[in-house]
Amino acid sequence: MKAVVLYDTAYGNTRTIAESAASKLGRGAAAVPVDGFDAGALHPGDLLVDGEAERAAEWAAGLVASRGSGTE
């Protein structure tokens, strides 16, 4: 399983927290800025952590909408 911690930051604080969270998740985990993330790189079973409350949440909602709920 791969883990991605998404973040968006103005001053670097959120990046620092996202990097710390990714390091705790272990090998295969990465902190990635929202603007630099490729949604096509996600596979079923991957863990996506929204590490930022505004832009990343909007982006993640769009990702879920584009891929469906998975309950079809």
N, C-alpha and C. Protein backbone atom coordinates (compact mmCIF):
# COMPACT_ATOMS: atom_id res chain seq x y z
N MET A 1 0.85 -1.18 0.00
CA MET A 1 0.00 0.00 0.00
C MET A 1 0.89 1.23 0.00
N LYS A 2 0.49 2.21 -0.78
CA LYS A 2 1.17 3.49 -0.82
C LYS A 2 0.31 4.51 -0.07
N ALA A 3 0.96 5.43 0.63
CA ALA A 3 0.24 6.47 1.36
C ALA A 3 0.70 7.84 0.87
N VAL A 4 -0.26 8.74 0.68
CA VAL A 4 0.02 10.10 0.25
C VAL A 4 -0.65 11.06 1.23
N VAL A 5 0.13 12.00 1.76
CA VAL A 5 -0.41 13.05 2.62
C VAL A 5 -0.42 14.33 1.79
N LEU A 6 -1.61 14.77 1.41
CA LEU A 6 -1.74 16.00 0.62
C LEU A 6 -1.67 17.21 1.52
N TYR A 7 -1.03 18.26 1.03
CA TYR A 7 -0.99 19.49 1.81
C TYR A 7 -0.94 20.70 0.88
N ASP A 8 -1.30 21.83 1.43
CA ASP A 8 -1.15 23.12 0.76
C ASP A 8 -0.67 24.07 1.85
N THR A 9 0.31 24.89 1.55
CA THR A 9 0.90 25.72 2.59
C THR A 9 1.29 27.08 2.06
N ALA A 10 1.14 28.07 2.87
CA ALA A 10 1.56 29.43 2.50
C ALA A 10 2.92 29.76 3.12
N TYR A 11 3.17 29.26 4.31
CA TYR A 11 4.38 29.63 5.05
C TYR A 11 5.29 28.45 5.37
N GLY A 12 4.88 27.22 5.01
CA GLY A 12 5.71 26.06 5.24
C GLY A 12 5.34 25.23 6.45
N ASN A 13 4.48 25.74 7.31
CA ASN A 13 4.12 25.00 8.52
C ASN A 13 3.34 23.72 8.20
N THR A 14 2.39 23.81 7.30
CA THR A 14 1.59 22.63 6.95
C THR A 14 2.44 21.59 6.25
N ARG A 15 3.40 22.03 5.44
CA ARG A 15 4.32 21.09 4.79
C ARG A 15 5.10 20.31 5.85
N THR A 16 5.59 21.01 6.86
CA THR A 16 6.35 20.36 7.93
C THR A 16 5.52 19.30 8.63
N ILE A 17 4.27 19.62 8.92
CA ILE A 17 3.38 18.67 9.58
C ILE A 17 3.08 17.49 8.65
N ALA A 18 2.83 17.76 7.38
CA ALA A 18 2.55 16.69 6.42
C ALA A 18 3.75 15.75 6.27
N GLU A 19 4.94 16.31 6.22
CA GLU A 19 6.15 15.48 6.12
C GLU A 19 6.32 14.62 7.36
N SER A 20 6.01 15.18 8.52
CA SER A 20 6.09 14.40 9.76
C SER A 20 5.08 13.26 9.75
N ALA A 21 3.86 13.56 9.32
CA ALA A 21 2.82 12.52 9.25
C ALA A 21 3.23 11.42 8.28
N ALA A 22 3.75 11.79 7.12
CA ALA A 22 4.18 10.79 6.14
C ALA A 22 5.30 9.92 6.69
N SER A 23 6.22 10.52 7.44
CA SER A 23 7.32 9.74 8.00
C SER A 23 6.81 8.71 9.00
N LYS A 24 5.74 9.05 9.71
CA LYS A 24 5.17 8.12 10.69
C LYS A 24 4.42 6.98 10.00
N LEU A 25 3.96 7.21 8.77
CA LEU A 25 3.24 6.18 8.03
C LEU A 25 4.18 5.13 7.45
N GLY A 26 5.47 5.44 7.38
CA GLY A 26 6.45 4.45 6.97
C GLY A 26 6.82 4.51 5.50
N ARG A 27 7.51 3.46 5.07
CA ARG A 27 7.99 3.39 3.69
C ARG A 27 6.84 3.45 2.71
N GLY A 28 7.06 4.11 1.62
CA GLY A 28 6.01 4.23 0.61
C GLY A 28 5.09 5.41 0.84
N ALA A 29 5.28 6.13 1.94
CA ALA A 29 4.45 7.30 2.23
C ALA A 29 5.19 8.56 1.81
N ALA A 30 4.44 9.53 1.32
CA ALA A 30 5.04 10.79 0.88
C ALA A 30 4.11 11.94 1.16
N ALA A 31 4.69 13.07 1.50
CA ALA A 31 3.94 14.33 1.61
C ALA A 31 4.03 15.01 0.25
N VAL A 32 2.88 15.36 -0.31
CA VAL A 32 2.84 15.89 -1.67
C VAL A 32 1.97 17.15 -1.69
N PRO A 33 2.48 18.23 -2.29
CA PRO A 33 1.63 19.43 -2.40
C PRO A 33 0.45 19.16 -3.33
N VAL A 34 -0.68 19.74 -3.02
CA VAL A 34 -1.89 19.54 -3.82
C VAL A 34 -1.63 19.85 -5.29
N ASP A 35 -0.94 20.94 -5.55
CA ASP A 35 -0.70 21.34 -6.93
C ASP A 35 0.23 20.39 -7.68
N GLY A 36 0.98 19.56 -6.96
CA GLY A 36 1.91 18.65 -7.62
C GLY A 36 1.48 17.21 -7.61
N PHE A 37 0.24 16.94 -7.21
CA PHE A 37 -0.22 15.56 -7.08
C PHE A 37 -0.91 15.09 -8.34
N ASP A 38 -0.59 13.89 -8.77
CA ASP A 38 -1.22 13.26 -9.92
C ASP A 38 -2.22 12.22 -9.43
N ALA A 39 -3.50 12.53 -9.53
CA ALA A 39 -4.54 11.62 -9.05
C ALA A 39 -4.49 10.27 -9.75
N GLY A 40 -3.98 10.25 -10.96
CA GLY A 40 -3.88 9.00 -11.70
C GLY A 40 -2.87 8.03 -11.09
N ALA A 41 -2.04 8.52 -10.18
CA ALA A 41 -1.05 7.67 -9.53
C ALA A 41 -1.65 6.85 -8.39
N LEU A 42 -2.88 7.17 -7.98
CA LEU A 42 -3.54 6.40 -6.92
C LEU A 42 -4.08 5.09 -7.46
N HIS A 43 -3.98 4.06 -6.64
CA HIS A 43 -4.51 2.75 -6.98
C HIS A 43 -5.47 2.31 -5.88
N PRO A 44 -6.38 1.40 -6.17
CA PRO A 44 -7.25 0.89 -5.11
C PRO A 44 -6.40 0.38 -3.94
N GLY A 45 -6.78 0.75 -2.75
CA GLY A 45 -6.04 0.32 -1.57
C GLY A 45 -5.02 1.32 -1.08
N ASP A 46 -4.70 2.33 -1.89
CA ASP A 46 -3.78 3.37 -1.46
C ASP A 46 -4.47 4.24 -0.41
N LEU A 47 -3.67 4.79 0.47
CA LEU A 47 -4.18 5.66 1.51
C LEU A 47 -3.95 7.11 1.11
N LEU A 48 -5.00 7.92 1.11
CA LEU A 48 -4.91 9.34 0.80
C LEU A 48 -5.32 10.11 2.04
N VAL A 49 -4.38 10.89 2.59
CA VAL A 49 -4.64 11.69 3.78
C VAL A 49 -4.74 13.15 3.37
N ASP A 50 -5.84 13.78 3.70
CA ASP A 50 -6.03 15.20 3.41
C ASP A 50 -5.43 15.98 4.57
N GLY A 51 -4.24 16.53 4.36
CA GLY A 51 -3.53 17.21 5.43
C GLY A 51 -3.75 18.71 5.47
N GLU A 52 -4.71 19.19 4.74
CA GLU A 52 -4.97 20.64 4.69
C GLU A 52 -6.47 20.83 4.57
N ALA A 53 -7.00 21.78 5.28
CA ALA A 53 -8.44 21.88 5.43
C ALA A 53 -9.20 22.52 4.27
N GLU A 54 -8.59 23.39 3.50
CA GLU A 54 -9.36 24.11 2.49
C GLU A 54 -9.14 23.57 1.09
N ARG A 55 -8.03 23.91 0.47
CA ARG A 55 -7.83 23.52 -0.93
C ARG A 55 -7.75 22.02 -1.12
N ALA A 56 -7.06 21.33 -0.23
CA ALA A 56 -6.95 19.88 -0.38
C ALA A 56 -8.31 19.21 -0.24
N ALA A 57 -9.14 19.71 0.66
CA ALA A 57 -10.48 19.15 0.84
C ALA A 57 -11.31 19.33 -0.42
N GLU A 58 -11.24 20.48 -1.03
CA GLU A 58 -11.96 20.72 -2.28
C GLU A 58 -11.44 19.80 -3.37
N TRP A 59 -10.12 19.65 -3.44
CA TRP A 59 -9.51 18.80 -4.46
C TRP A 59 -9.93 17.34 -4.25
N ALA A 60 -9.89 16.88 -3.00
CA ALA A 60 -10.25 15.49 -2.70
C ALA A 60 -11.71 15.21 -3.02
N ALA A 61 -12.59 16.17 -2.76
CA ALA A 61 -14.00 15.99 -3.09
C ALA A 61 -14.17 15.83 -4.60
N GLY A 62 -13.43 16.61 -5.36
CA GLY A 62 -13.48 16.47 -6.81
C GLY A 62 -12.96 15.13 -7.27
N LEU A 63 -11.92 14.62 -6.62
CA LEU A 63 -11.37 13.31 -6.96
C LEU A 63 -12.40 12.22 -6.71
N VAL A 64 -13.04 12.26 -5.55
CA VAL A 64 -14.05 11.25 -5.22
C VAL A 64 -15.20 11.33 -6.22
N ALA A 65 -15.64 12.54 -6.55
CA ALA A 65 -16.74 12.70 -7.51
C ALA A 65 -16.36 12.14 -8.88
N SER A 66 -15.12 12.33 -9.29
CA SER A 66 -14.70 11.87 -10.61
C SER A 66 -14.54 10.36 -10.68
N ARG A 67 -14.26 9.74 -9.55
CA ARG A 67 -14.03 8.29 -9.53
C ARG A 67 -15.25 7.51 -9.07
N GLY A 68 -16.25 8.20 -8.54
CA GLY A 68 -17.44 7.52 -8.04
C GLY A 68 -17.25 7.09 -6.61
N SER A 69 -18.31 6.67 -6.00
CA SER A 69 -18.27 6.32 -4.57
C SER A 69 -17.70 4.93 -4.32
N GLY A 70 -17.62 4.11 -5.37
CA GLY A 70 -17.14 2.75 -5.19
C GLY A 70 -18.22 1.80 -4.74
N THR A 71 -19.44 2.29 -4.63
CA THR A 71 -20.55 1.43 -4.18
C THR A 71 -21.44 1.01 -5.33
N GLU A 72 -21.07 1.42 -6.56
CA GLU A 72 -21.91 1.08 -7.69
C GLU A 72 -21.86 -0.40 -7.97
